[in-house]
């Protein structure tokens, strides 16, 4: 059980210096760049891979393996596998990348997943799901669910099956929650014994913190999330169904979860609301809030970001330890 966050977690006078500096830098960078929605989507995707976006340039892991999983309609679903190199593998972490369901790729998560693999001993398997607007929902969810079933069913070679965890950030955290629900409801299965949910968007109808954030683009602003949701789910009336907004679903029989978010993230309500509902449904729940952290601040390599990653890894290590007793 997690307690209510302490007041100082939201006190602007107690924001760490590294995050205060990071937020100023991000705002300044956004001010120099064209509006995201004034550039063709393919150009934004290419810029992210080339390190010309707001995020650091992704460094592909030289030891990554690419595996293709056959989807139920015959399509190929690609997953990217990183195996621990400094320790014995002792489980498998199924990962879903972020990017607003429109941007992003599994490769962009290589540095953080390499760190996670070495810190926990988990083989990481990250799925390259189909992106909107070319493939609106439920395409992304179909890919994630089918890949999760394949990974936990032995469809990816040499992935230890003694402990399975699932996790992602931003849109990836949303898709993780949706996948857990589909596994429970459609397949009567719950193979995952831990969920790592970082800065997720769980309500495509927009929580108050998203709707009221305004034009200030601290990685994201209100318009960005609204635009992402409309591209992923074009019909407005469908955005708050349990299938598309996990916050609206019944959340019983979910695995232990670790929710993480920065308090300067416009998705803070999504984390606060979802963690509370997760716990109220009877599931073990932990939550980590970082004062002044912007959206997915962990990717920028600050001391506060490194500390947040370490807390998430400690959660996974503790769950692995519980599973081995």
C-alpha atoms as a PDB file:
ATOM      1  CA  UNK A   1       0.000   0.000   0.000  1.00  0.00           C
ATOM      2  CA  UNK A   2       1.298   3.460  -0.829  1.00  0.00           C
ATOM      3  CA  UNK A   3       0.451   6.508   1.290  1.00  0.00           C
ATOM      4  CA  UNK A   4      -0.725   9.841  -0.056  1.00  0.00           C
ATOM      5  CA  UNK A   5       2.201  11.840  -1.466  1.00  0.00           C
ATOM      6  CA  UNK A   6       3.818  14.203   1.007  1.00  0.00           C
ATOM      7  CA  UNK A   7       3.127  17.923   0.362  1.00  0.00           C
ATOM      8  CA  UNK A   8       6.803  18.646  -0.311  1.00  0.00           C
ATOM      9  CA  UNK A   9       6.604  16.350  -3.364  1.00  0.00           C
ATOM     10  CA  UNK A  10       4.753  19.166  -5.126  1.00  0.00           C
ATOM     11  CA  UNK A  11       6.490  22.171  -3.521  1.00  0.00           C
ATOM     12  CA  UNK A  12       8.066  24.284  -6.308  1.00  0.00           C
ATOM     13  CA  UNK A  13      10.633  25.603  -3.804  1.00  0.00           C
ATOM     14  CA  UNK A  14      12.024  22.076  -3.360  1.00  0.00           C
ATOM     15  CA  UNK A  15      12.574  21.132  -7.005  1.00  0.00           C
ATOM     16  CA  UNK A  16      16.107  19.725  -7.366  1.00  0.00           C
ATOM     17  CA  UNK A  17      18.544  22.029  -9.142  1.00  0.00           C
ATOM     18  CA  UNK A  18      19.215  19.480 -11.908  1.00  0.00           C
ATOM     19  CA  UNK A  19      15.530  19.259 -12.827  1.00  0.00           C
ATOM     20  CA  UNK A  20      15.016  22.998 -12.606  1.00  0.00           C
ATOM     21  CA  UNK A  21      17.888  23.447 -15.080  1.00  0.00           C
ATOM     22  CA  UNK A  22      16.597  20.647 -17.320  1.00  0.00           C
ATOM     23  CA  UNK A  23      13.125  22.184 -17.521  1.00  0.00           C
ATOM     24  CA  UNK A  24      14.553  25.577 -18.474  1.00  0.00           C
ATOM     25  CA  UNK A  25      16.665  23.942 -21.182  1.00  0.00           C
ATOM     26  CA  UNK A  26      13.708  22.010 -22.596  1.00  0.00           C
ATOM     27  CA  UNK A  27      11.530  25.116 -22.737  1.00  0.00           C
ATOM     28  CA  UNK A  28      14.310  27.019 -24.504  1.00  0.00           C
ATOM     29  CA  UNK A  29      14.816  24.198 -27.005  1.00  0.00           C
ATOM     30  CA  UNK A  30      11.114  24.031 -27.806  1.00  0.00           C
ATOM     31  CA  UNK A  31      11.046  27.805 -28.355  1.00  0.00           C
ATOM     32  CA  UNK A  32      13.710  27.455 -31.066  1.00  0.00           C
ATOM     33  CA  UNK A  33      11.979  24.628 -32.920  1.00  0.00           C
ATOM     34  CA  UNK A  34       8.970  24.532 -35.255  1.00  0.00           C
ATOM     35  CA  UNK A  35       5.697  23.373 -33.788  1.00  0.00           C
ATOM     36  CA  UNK A  36       5.543  19.568 -33.830  1.00  0.00           C
ATOM     37  CA  UNK A  37       2.291  19.579 -35.784  1.00  0.00           C
ATOM     38  CA  UNK A  38       3.608  21.920 -38.494  1.00  0.00           C
ATOM     39  CA  UNK A  39       6.025  19.193 -39.661  1.00  0.00           C
ATOM     40  CA  UNK A  40       5.016  15.984 -41.461  1.00  0.00           C
ATOM     41  CA  UNK A  41       4.830  13.036 -39.080  1.00  0.00           C
ATOM     42  CA  UNK A  42       7.437  11.059 -41.033  1.00  0.00           C
ATOM     43  CA  UNK A  43       9.916  13.920 -40.647  1.00  0.00           C
ATOM     44  CA  UNK A  44       9.387  14.011 -36.883  1.00  0.00           C
ATOM     45  CA  UNK A  45       9.920  10.251 -36.699  1.00  0.00           C
ATOM     46  CA  UNK A  46      13.138  10.538 -38.694  1.00  0.00           C
ATOM     47  CA  UNK A  47      14.373  13.461 -36.590  1.00  0.00           C
ATOM     48  CA  UNK A  48      13.906  11.445 -33.375  1.00  0.00           C
ATOM     49  CA  UNK A  49      16.070   8.623 -34.717  1.00  0.00           C
ATOM     50  CA  UNK A  50      18.723  11.098 -35.895  1.00  0.00           C
ATOM     51  CA  UNK A  51      18.817  12.860 -32.528  1.00  0.00           C
ATOM     52  CA  UNK A  52      17.435  16.099 -33.960  1.00  0.00           C
ATOM     53  CA  UNK A  53      14.361  16.091 -31.738  1.00  0.00           C
ATOM     54  CA  UNK A  54      14.065  17.160 -28.121  1.00  0.00           C
ATOM     55  CA  UNK A  55      15.316  13.810 -26.795  1.00  0.00           C
ATOM     56  CA  UNK A  56      18.956  12.680 -26.761  1.00  0.00           C
ATOM     57  CA  UNK A  57      20.130  10.818 -29.861  1.00  0.00           C
ATOM     58  CA  UNK A  58      19.330   7.116 -29.388  1.00  0.00           C
ATOM     59  CA  UNK A  59      22.330   4.800 -29.413  1.00  0.00           C
ATOM     60  CA  UNK A  60      21.461   1.362 -30.812  1.00  0.00           C
ATOM     61  CA  UNK A  61      22.790  -1.447 -28.662  1.00  0.00           C
ATOM     62  CA  UNK A  62      25.321  -3.469 -30.693  1.00  0.00           C
ATOM     63  CA  UNK A  63      24.123  -6.694 -29.100  1.00  0.00           C
ATOM     64  CA  UNK A  64      20.411  -6.241 -29.827  1.00  0.00           C
ATOM     65  CA  UNK A  65      18.656  -9.126 -31.561  1.00  0.00           C
ATOM     66  CA  UNK A  66      15.685  -8.655 -33.884  1.00  0.00           C
ATOM     67  CA  UNK A  67      13.032 -11.370 -33.799  1.00  0.00           C
ATOM     68  CA  UNK A  68       9.837 -11.535 -35.852  1.00  0.00           C
ATOM     69  CA  UNK A  69       6.671 -12.891 -34.294  1.00  0.00           C
ATOM     70  CA  UNK A  70       3.825 -14.030 -36.537  1.00  0.00           C
ATOM     71  CA  UNK A  71       0.632 -12.088 -35.806  1.00  0.00           C
ATOM     72  CA  UNK A  72      -2.698 -13.882 -35.956  1.00  0.00           C
ATOM     73  CA  UNK A  73      -3.426 -12.447 -39.422  1.00  0.00           C
ATOM     74  CA  UNK A  74      -0.003 -13.420 -40.728  1.00  0.00           C
ATOM     75  CA  UNK A  75       1.651 -10.028 -40.295  1.00  0.00           C
ATOM     76  CA  UNK A  76       5.125  -9.878 -38.784  1.00  0.00           C
ATOM     77  CA  UNK A  77       5.512  -8.189 -35.382  1.00  0.00           C
ATOM     78  CA  UNK A  78       9.109  -7.235 -34.701  1.00  0.00           C
ATOM     79  CA  UNK A  79      10.580  -7.349 -31.212  1.00  0.00           C
ATOM     80  CA  UNK A  80      14.021  -6.204 -30.081  1.00  0.00           C
ATOM     81  CA  UNK A  81      15.797  -8.427 -27.567  1.00  0.00           C
ATOM     82  CA  UNK A  82      18.596  -7.411 -25.174  1.00  0.00           C
ATOM     83  CA  UNK A  83      20.154 -10.076 -22.986  1.00  0.00           C
ATOM     84  CA  UNK A  84      22.166  -9.370 -19.815  1.00  0.00           C
ATOM     85  CA  UNK A  85      25.891  -9.476 -20.533  1.00  0.00           C
ATOM     86  CA  UNK A  86      27.316  -9.118 -17.023  1.00  0.00           C
ATOM     87  CA  UNK A  87      25.132 -11.604 -15.167  1.00  0.00           C
ATOM     88  CA  UNK A  88      22.943 -14.646 -15.638  1.00  0.00           C
ATOM     89  CA  UNK A  89      19.462 -14.058 -17.031  1.00  0.00           C
ATOM     90  CA  UNK A  90      16.738 -14.751 -14.469  1.00  0.00           C
ATOM     91  CA  UNK A  91      13.532 -13.594 -16.123  1.00  0.00           C
ATOM     92  CA  UNK A  92      12.028 -11.619 -19.005  1.00  0.00           C
ATOM     93  CA  UNK A  93      10.824  -8.020 -19.213  1.00  0.00           C
ATOM     94  CA  UNK A  94       8.283  -7.261 -21.950  1.00  0.00           C
ATOM     95  CA  UNK A  95       8.637  -3.589 -22.902  1.00  0.00           C
ATOM     96  CA  UNK A  96       6.416  -1.169 -24.825  1.00  0.00           C
ATOM     97  CA  UNK A  97       7.959   2.113 -26.003  1.00  0.00           C
ATOM     98  CA  UNK A  98       6.383   5.566 -25.795  1.00  0.00           C
ATOM     99  CA  UNK A  99       5.802   8.257 -28.396  1.00  0.00           C
ATOM    100  CA  UNK A 100       2.129   9.176 -28.228  1.00  0.00           C
ATOM    101  CA  UNK A 101       1.110   6.089 -30.275  1.00  0.00           C
ATOM    102  CA  UNK A 102       2.400   8.088 -33.272  1.00  0.00           C
ATOM    103  CA  UNK A 103       6.172   8.315 -32.807  1.00  0.00           C
ATOM    104  CA  UNK A 104       8.921   6.144 -31.335  1.00  0.00           C
ATOM    105  CA  UNK A 105      10.482   2.750 -31.899  1.00  0.00           C
ATOM    106  CA  UNK A 106      11.861  -0.088 -29.819  1.00  0.00           C
ATOM    107  CA  UNK A 107      15.443   0.869 -30.722  1.00  0.00           C
ATOM    108  CA  UNK A 108      15.099   4.269 -29.040  1.00  0.00           C
ATOM    109  CA  UNK A 109      14.828   2.531 -25.656  1.00  0.00           C
ATOM    110  CA  UNK A 110      18.068   0.537 -26.007  1.00  0.00           C
ATOM    111  CA  UNK A 111      20.155   2.543 -23.480  1.00  0.00           C
ATOM    112  CA  UNK A 112      17.580   2.326 -20.690  1.00  0.00           C
ATOM    113  CA  UNK A 113      16.771  -1.307 -21.413  1.00  0.00           C
ATOM    114  CA  UNK A 114      20.452  -2.229 -21.413  1.00  0.00           C
ATOM    115  CA  UNK A 115      20.738  -0.598 -17.987  1.00  0.00           C
ATOM    116  CA  UNK A 116      17.630  -2.462 -16.786  1.00  0.00           C
ATOM    117  CA  UNK A 117      18.897  -5.801 -18.104  1.00  0.00           C
ATOM    118  CA  UNK A 118      22.194  -5.482 -16.243  1.00  0.00           C
ATOM    119  CA  UNK A 119      20.572  -4.126 -13.057  1.00  0.00           C
ATOM    120  CA  UNK A 120      17.912  -6.837 -12.827  1.00  0.00           C
ATOM    121  CA  UNK A 121      19.093  -9.818 -14.852  1.00  0.00           C
ATOM    122  CA  UNK A 122      15.977  -9.635 -17.023  1.00  0.00           C
ATOM    123  CA  UNK A 123      16.087 -10.275 -20.757  1.00  0.00           C
ATOM    124  CA  UNK A 124      14.268  -7.307 -22.285  1.00  0.00           C
ATOM    125  CA  UNK A 125      11.938  -7.752 -25.252  1.00  0.00           C
ATOM    126  CA  UNK A 126      10.636  -4.498 -26.740  1.00  0.00           C
ATOM    127  CA  UNK A 127       7.846  -4.552 -29.315  1.00  0.00           C
ATOM    128  CA  UNK A 128       7.667  -2.381 -32.452  1.00  0.00           C
ATOM    129  CA  UNK A 129       3.904  -2.023 -32.641  1.00  0.00           C
ATOM    130  CA  UNK A 130       2.015  -0.344 -35.474  1.00  0.00           C
ATOM    131  CA  UNK A 131       1.702   3.434 -35.164  1.00  0.00           C
ATOM    132  CA  UNK A 132      -1.147   5.866 -35.735  1.00  0.00           C
ATOM    133  CA  UNK A 133      -2.455   7.569 -37.782  1.00  0.00           C
ATOM    134  CA  UNK A 134      -1.665   4.929 -40.415  1.00  0.00           C
ATOM    135  CA  UNK A 135      -2.841   2.264 -37.970  1.00  0.00           C
ATOM    136  CA  UNK A 136      -5.326   3.619 -35.400  1.00  0.00           C
ATOM    137  CA  UNK A 137      -6.452   1.585 -32.398  1.00  0.00           C
ATOM    138  CA  UNK A 138      -6.826  -1.302 -31.888  1.00  0.00           C
ATOM    139  CA  UNK A 139      -3.771  -2.022 -34.096  1.00  0.00           C
ATOM    140  CA  UNK A 140      -1.166  -1.067 -31.467  1.00  0.00           C
ATOM    141  CA  UNK A 141      -2.994  -2.994 -28.764  1.00  0.00           C
ATOM    142  CA  UNK A 142      -3.362  -6.038 -31.006  1.00  0.00           C
ATOM    143  CA  UNK A 143       0.386  -6.075 -31.676  1.00  0.00           C
ATOM    144  CA  UNK A 144       1.272  -5.665 -28.001  1.00  0.00           C
ATOM    145  CA  UNK A 145      -1.130  -8.353 -26.821  1.00  0.00           C
ATOM    146  CA  UNK A 146      -0.082 -10.852 -29.480  1.00  0.00           C
ATOM    147  CA  UNK A 147       3.613 -10.174 -28.834  1.00  0.00           C
ATOM    148  CA  UNK A 148       3.074 -10.549 -25.077  1.00  0.00           C
ATOM    149  CA  UNK A 149       1.353 -13.898 -25.598  1.00  0.00           C
ATOM    150  CA  UNK A 150       4.190 -15.060 -27.833  1.00  0.00           C
ATOM    151  CA  UNK A 151       6.916 -13.977 -25.419  1.00  0.00           C
ATOM    152  CA  UNK A 152       5.267 -15.536 -22.362  1.00  0.00           C
ATOM    153  CA  UNK A 153       4.367 -18.647 -24.361  1.00  0.00           C
ATOM    154  CA  UNK A 154       7.905 -19.431 -25.440  1.00  0.00           C
ATOM    155  CA  UNK A 155       7.663 -17.841 -28.879  1.00  0.00           C
ATOM    156  CA  UNK A 156      10.965 -15.981 -28.474  1.00  0.00           C
ATOM    157  CA  UNK A 157      13.890 -18.329 -27.924  1.00  0.00           C
ATOM    158  CA  UNK A 158      15.973 -18.265 -24.755  1.00  0.00           C
ATOM    159  CA  UNK A 159      13.752 -15.926 -22.750  1.00  0.00           C
ATOM    160  CA  UNK A 160      13.616 -17.253 -19.174  1.00  0.00           C
ATOM    161  CA  UNK A 161      10.066 -18.110 -18.152  1.00  0.00           C
ATOM    162  CA  UNK A 162      10.456 -18.211 -14.377  1.00  0.00           C
ATOM    163  CA  UNK A 163       9.529 -14.537 -14.007  1.00  0.00           C
ATOM    164  CA  UNK A 164       7.772 -12.230 -16.449  1.00  0.00           C
ATOM    165  CA  UNK A 165       7.401  -8.462 -15.978  1.00  0.00           C
ATOM    166  CA  UNK A 166       5.848  -5.846 -18.256  1.00  0.00           C
ATOM    167  CA  UNK A 167       6.595  -2.158 -18.519  1.00  0.00           C
ATOM    168  CA  UNK A 168       6.697   0.981 -20.586  1.00  0.00           C
ATOM    169  CA  UNK A 169       6.601   4.726 -20.472  1.00  0.00           C
ATOM    170  CA  UNK A 170       4.031   7.312 -21.632  1.00  0.00           C
ATOM    171  CA  UNK A 171       1.961   5.743 -24.442  1.00  0.00           C
ATOM    172  CA  UNK A 172       3.856   2.536 -23.710  1.00  0.00           C
ATOM    173  CA  UNK A 173       2.588   2.488 -20.125  1.00  0.00           C
ATOM    174  CA  UNK A 174      -0.954   2.928 -21.465  1.00  0.00           C
ATOM    175  CA  UNK A 175      -0.471  -0.007 -23.840  1.00  0.00           C
ATOM    176  CA  UNK A 176       0.964  -2.128 -21.018  1.00  0.00           C
ATOM    177  CA  UNK A 177      -2.144  -1.532 -18.905  1.00  0.00           C
ATOM    178  CA  UNK A 178      -4.373  -2.254 -21.908  1.00  0.00           C
ATOM    179  CA  UNK A 179      -2.427  -5.460 -22.607  1.00  0.00           C
ATOM    180  CA  UNK A 180      -2.824  -6.668 -19.026  1.00  0.00           C
ATOM    181  CA  UNK A 181      -6.575  -6.087 -19.274  1.00  0.00           C
ATOM    182  CA  UNK A 182      -6.838  -7.949 -22.585  1.00  0.00           C
ATOM    183  CA  UNK A 183      -4.836 -10.875 -21.255  1.00  0.00           C
ATOM    184  CA  UNK A 184      -7.178 -11.097 -18.259  1.00  0.00           C
ATOM    185  CA  UNK A 185     -10.460 -10.630 -20.111  1.00  0.00           C
ATOM    186  CA  UNK A 186      -9.852 -12.163 -23.541  1.00  0.00           C
ATOM    187  CA  UNK A 187      -7.343 -14.895 -22.718  1.00  0.00           C
ATOM    188  CA  UNK A 188      -8.062 -15.595 -19.025  1.00  0.00           C
ATOM    189  CA  UNK A 189      -4.341 -15.311 -18.397  1.00  0.00           C
ATOM    190  CA  UNK A 190      -2.068 -13.160 -16.286  1.00  0.00           C
ATOM    191  CA  UNK A 191       1.510 -14.298 -16.914  1.00  0.00           C
ATOM    192  CA  UNK A 192       3.105 -11.060 -15.723  1.00  0.00           C
ATOM    193  CA  UNK A 193       4.106 -10.846 -12.078  1.00  0.00           C
ATOM    194  CA  UNK A 194       5.110  -7.162 -12.049  1.00  0.00           C
ATOM    195  CA  UNK A 195       4.249  -4.013 -14.004  1.00  0.00           C
ATOM    196  CA  UNK A 196       6.492  -0.955 -14.338  1.00  0.00           C
ATOM    197  CA  UNK A 197       4.305   1.946 -15.498  1.00  0.00           C
ATOM    198  CA  UNK A 198       6.139   5.236 -16.096  1.00  0.00           C
ATOM    199  CA  UNK A 199       4.303   8.506 -16.807  1.00  0.00           C
ATOM    200  CA  UNK A 200       1.423   6.782 -18.545  1.00  0.00           C
ATOM    201  CA  UNK A 201      -1.571   8.316 -20.302  1.00  0.00           C
ATOM    202  CA  UNK A 202      -4.459   6.193 -19.049  1.00  0.00           C
ATOM    203  CA  UNK A 203      -7.406   8.424 -19.998  1.00  0.00           C
ATOM    204  CA  UNK A 204      -7.646   9.392 -23.666  1.00  0.00           C
ATOM    205  CA  UNK A 205     -10.514  11.687 -22.751  1.00  0.00           C
ATOM    206  CA  UNK A 206      -7.891  13.784 -20.864  1.00  0.00           C
ATOM    207  CA  UNK A 207      -7.518  14.056 -17.100  1.00  0.00           C
ATOM    208  CA  UNK A 208      -7.709  17.530 -15.501  1.00  0.00           C
ATOM    209  CA  UNK A 209      -3.930  17.973 -15.349  1.00  0.00           C
ATOM    210  CA  UNK A 210      -3.702  17.332 -19.096  1.00  0.00           C
ATOM    211  CA  UNK A 211      -6.682  19.464 -20.052  1.00  0.00           C
ATOM    212  CA  UNK A 212      -5.542  22.389 -17.899  1.00  0.00           C
ATOM    213  CA  UNK A 213      -1.808  22.304 -18.640  1.00  0.00           C
ATOM    214  CA  UNK A 214      -2.079  24.790 -21.476  1.00  0.00           C
ATOM    215  CA  UNK A 215       0.418  25.798 -24.158  1.00  0.00           C
ATOM    216  CA  UNK A 216       3.635  25.493 -22.123  1.00  0.00           C
ATOM    217  CA  UNK A 217       5.462  22.659 -23.893  1.00  0.00           C
ATOM    218  CA  UNK A 218       7.516  20.835 -21.291  1.00  0.00           C
ATOM    219  CA  UNK A 219       8.053  17.889 -23.657  1.00  0.00           C
ATOM    220  CA  UNK A 220       4.260  17.844 -24.079  1.00  0.00           C
ATOM    221  CA  UNK A 221       1.402  20.293 -23.710  1.00  0.00           C
ATOM    222  CA  UNK A 222      -2.383  19.941 -23.669  1.00  0.00           C
ATOM    223  CA  UNK A 223      -2.702  20.179 -27.437  1.00  0.00           C
ATOM    224  CA  UNK A 224      -0.099  17.470 -27.983  1.00  0.00           C
ATOM    225  CA  UNK A 225      -1.886  14.872 -25.877  1.00  0.00           C
ATOM    226  CA  UNK A 226      -5.243  15.782 -27.411  1.00  0.00           C
ATOM    227  CA  UNK A 227      -3.778  15.442 -30.902  1.00  0.00           C
ATOM    228  CA  UNK A 228      -2.148  12.113 -30.084  1.00  0.00           C
ATOM    229  CA  UNK A 229      -5.438  10.773 -28.718  1.00  0.00           C
ATOM    230  CA  UNK A 230      -7.391  11.920 -31.772  1.00  0.00           C
ATOM    231  CA  UNK A 231      -4.921  10.253 -34.141  1.00  0.00           C
ATOM    232  CA  UNK A 232      -4.933   7.008 -32.156  1.00  0.00           C
ATOM    233  CA  UNK A 233      -8.719   6.937 -31.669  1.00  0.00           C
ATOM    234  CA  UNK A 234     -10.395   9.133 -34.304  1.00  0.00           C
ATOM    235  CA  UNK A 235     -13.916   8.754 -32.854  1.00  0.00           C
ATOM    236  CA  UNK A 236     -14.147  11.023 -29.815  1.00  0.00           C
ATOM    237  CA  UNK A 237     -16.916   8.949 -28.204  1.00  0.00           C
ATOM    238  CA  UNK A 238     -14.605   5.900 -28.170  1.00  0.00           C
ATOM    239  CA  UNK A 239     -11.744   7.542 -26.281  1.00  0.00           C
ATOM    240  CA  UNK A 240     -13.157   6.867 -22.827  1.00  0.00           C
ATOM    241  CA  UNK A 241     -14.163   3.257 -23.310  1.00  0.00           C
ATOM    242  CA  UNK A 242     -12.353   0.792 -21.015  1.00  0.00           C
ATOM    243  CA  UNK A 243     -10.668  -0.729 -24.071  1.00  0.00           C
ATOM    244  CA  UNK A 244      -9.026   2.581 -24.978  1.00  0.00           C
ATOM    245  CA  UNK A 245      -8.742   4.244 -21.555  1.00  0.00           C
ATOM    246  CA  UNK A 246      -7.569   1.756 -18.913  1.00  0.00           C
ATOM    247  CA  UNK A 247      -8.428   4.245 -16.163  1.00  0.00           C
ATOM    248  CA  UNK A 248     -12.089   3.532 -16.951  1.00  0.00           C
ATOM    249  CA  UNK A 249     -11.721  -0.260 -16.739  1.00  0.00           C
ATOM    250  CA  UNK A 250     -12.274  -2.674 -13.867  1.00  0.00           C
ATOM    251  CA  UNK A 251      -8.791  -3.245 -12.492  1.00  0.00           C
ATOM    252  CA  UNK A 252      -9.126  -6.408 -10.397  1.00  0.00           C
ATOM    253  CA  UNK A 253      -6.592  -9.244 -10.694  1.00  0.00           C
ATOM    254  CA  UNK A 254      -3.712  -7.108 -11.887  1.00  0.00           C
ATOM    255  CA  UNK A 255      -0.058  -7.772 -10.966  1.00  0.00           C
ATOM    256  CA  UNK A 256       1.929  -5.678  -8.465  1.00  0.00           C
ATOM    257  CA  UNK A 257       2.647  -2.317 -10.097  1.00  0.00           C
ATOM    258  CA  UNK A 258       5.163   0.474  -9.689  1.00  0.00           C
ATOM    259  CA  UNK A 259       3.867   3.827 -10.932  1.00  0.00           C
ATOM    260  CA  UNK A 260       6.385   6.605 -11.574  1.00  0.00           C
ATOM    261  CA  UNK A 261       5.947  10.221 -12.672  1.00  0.00           C
ATOM    262  CA  UNK A 262       7.386  13.696 -12.304  1.00  0.00           C
ATOM    263  CA  UNK A 263       5.197  16.347 -10.700  1.00  0.00           C
ATOM    264  CA  UNK A 264       5.844  18.773 -13.589  1.00  0.00           C
ATOM    265  CA  UNK A 265       4.495  16.200 -16.040  1.00  0.00           C
ATOM    266  CA  UNK A 266       1.079  17.103 -17.401  1.00  0.00           C
ATOM    267  CA  UNK A 267       0.182  13.400 -17.027  1.00  0.00           C
ATOM    268  CA  UNK A 268       0.552  13.549 -13.231  1.00  0.00           C
ATOM    269  CA  UNK A 269      -3.195  13.059 -12.700  1.00  0.00           C
ATOM    270  CA  UNK A 270      -3.110   9.927 -14.849  1.00  0.00           C
ATOM    271  CA  UNK A 271      -0.522   8.398 -12.517  1.00  0.00           C
ATOM    272  CA  UNK A 272      -2.223   9.556  -9.308  1.00  0.00           C
ATOM    273  CA  UNK A 273      -5.660   8.372 -10.438  1.00  0.00           C
ATOM    274  CA  UNK A 274      -4.495   5.072 -11.928  1.00  0.00           C
ATOM    275  CA  UNK A 275      -2.329   4.137  -8.937  1.00  0.00           C
ATOM    276  CA  UNK A 276      -5.234   4.834  -6.571  1.00  0.00           C
ATOM    277  CA  UNK A 277      -7.651   2.753  -8.643  1.00  0.00           C
ATOM    278  CA  UNK A 278      -5.079  -0.035  -9.022  1.00  0.00           C
ATOM    279  CA  UNK A 279      -4.712  -0.214  -5.258  1.00  0.00           C
ATOM    280  CA  UNK A 280      -8.450   0.126  -4.592  1.00  0.00           C
ATOM    281  CA  UNK A 281      -9.013  -2.927  -6.802  1.00  0.00           C
ATOM    282  CA  UNK A 282      -6.862  -4.974  -4.420  1.00  0.00           C
ATOM    283  CA  UNK A 283      -3.576  -5.014  -6.309  1.00  0.00           C
ATOM    284  CA  UNK A 284      -0.178  -4.363  -4.646  1.00  0.00           C
ATOM    285  CA  UNK A 285       0.802  -0.830  -5.630  1.00  0.00           C
ATOM    286  CA  UNK A 286       3.808   1.422  -5.253  1.00  0.00           C
ATOM    287  CA  UNK A 287       4.224   4.968  -6.507  1.00  0.00           C
ATOM    288  CA  UNK A 288       7.276   7.169  -6.971  1.00  0.00           C
ATOM    289  CA  UNK A 289       6.874  10.902  -7.616  1.00  0.00           C
ATOM    290  CA  UNK A 290       9.799  13.182  -8.425  1.00  0.00           C
ATOM    291  CA  UNK A 291       9.298  16.854  -7.634  1.00  0.00           C
ATOM    292  CA  UNK A 292       9.739  18.983 -10.751  1.00  0.00           C
ATOM    293  CA  UNK A 293      10.259  16.091 -13.120  1.00  0.00           C
ATOM    294  CA  UNK A 294       8.970  16.783 -16.621  1.00  0.00           C
ATOM    295  CA  UNK A 295       7.503  14.107 -18.874  1.00  0.00           C
ATOM    296  CA  UNK A 296       9.882  11.093 -19.022  1.00  0.00           C
ATOM    297  CA  UNK A 297      12.646  13.154 -17.412  1.00  0.00           C
ATOM    298  CA  UNK A 298      14.569   9.918 -16.838  1.00  0.00           C
ATOM    299  CA  UNK A 299      15.824   9.874 -20.435  1.00  0.00           C
ATOM    300  CA  UNK A 300      18.026  12.958 -19.962  1.00  0.00           C
ATOM    301  CA  UNK A 301      20.657  11.460 -17.671  1.00  0.00           C
ATOM    302  CA  UNK A 302      20.258  13.838 -14.717  1.00  0.00           C
ATOM    303  CA  UNK A 303      21.011  12.682 -11.160  1.00  0.00           C
ATOM    304  CA  UNK A 304      17.297  12.831 -10.377  1.00  0.00           C
ATOM    305  CA  UNK A 305      16.531  10.770 -13.464  1.00  0.00           C
ATOM    306  CA  UNK A 306      19.132   8.169 -12.545  1.00  0.00           C
ATOM    307  CA  UNK A 307      17.677   7.952  -9.032  1.00  0.00           C
ATOM    308  CA  UNK A 308      14.200   7.398 -10.477  1.00  0.00           C
ATOM    309  CA  UNK A 309      15.472   4.586 -12.706  1.00  0.00           C
ATOM    310  CA  UNK A 310      17.193   3.002  -9.707  1.00  0.00           C
ATOM    311  CA  UNK A 311      13.922   2.979  -7.736  1.00  0.00           C
ATOM    312  CA  UNK A 312      12.160   1.248 -10.619  1.00  0.00           C
ATOM    313  CA  UNK A 313      14.926  -1.347 -10.880  1.00  0.00           C
ATOM    314  CA  UNK A 314      14.769  -1.926  -7.121  1.00  0.00           C
ATOM    315  CA  UNK A 315      11.051  -2.653  -7.454  1.00  0.00           C
ATOM    316  CA  UNK A 316      11.709  -5.259 -10.140  1.00  0.00           C
ATOM    317  CA  UNK A 317      14.512  -6.851  -8.143  1.00  0.00           C
ATOM    318  CA  UNK A 318      12.249  -7.056  -5.082  1.00  0.00           C
ATOM    319  CA  UNK A 319       9.463  -8.702  -7.110  1.00  0.00           C
ATOM    320  CA  UNK A 320      11.912 -11.177  -8.632  1.00  0.00           C
ATOM    321  CA  UNK A 321      13.094 -11.988  -5.105  1.00  0.00           C
ATOM    322  CA  UNK A 322       9.530 -12.546  -3.929  1.00  0.00           C
ATOM    323  CA  UNK A 323       8.876 -14.809  -6.884  1.00  0.00           C
ATOM    324  CA  UNK A 324      11.898 -16.947  -6.110  1.00  0.00           C
ATOM    325  CA  UNK A 325      10.910 -17.663  -2.499  1.00  0.00           C
END
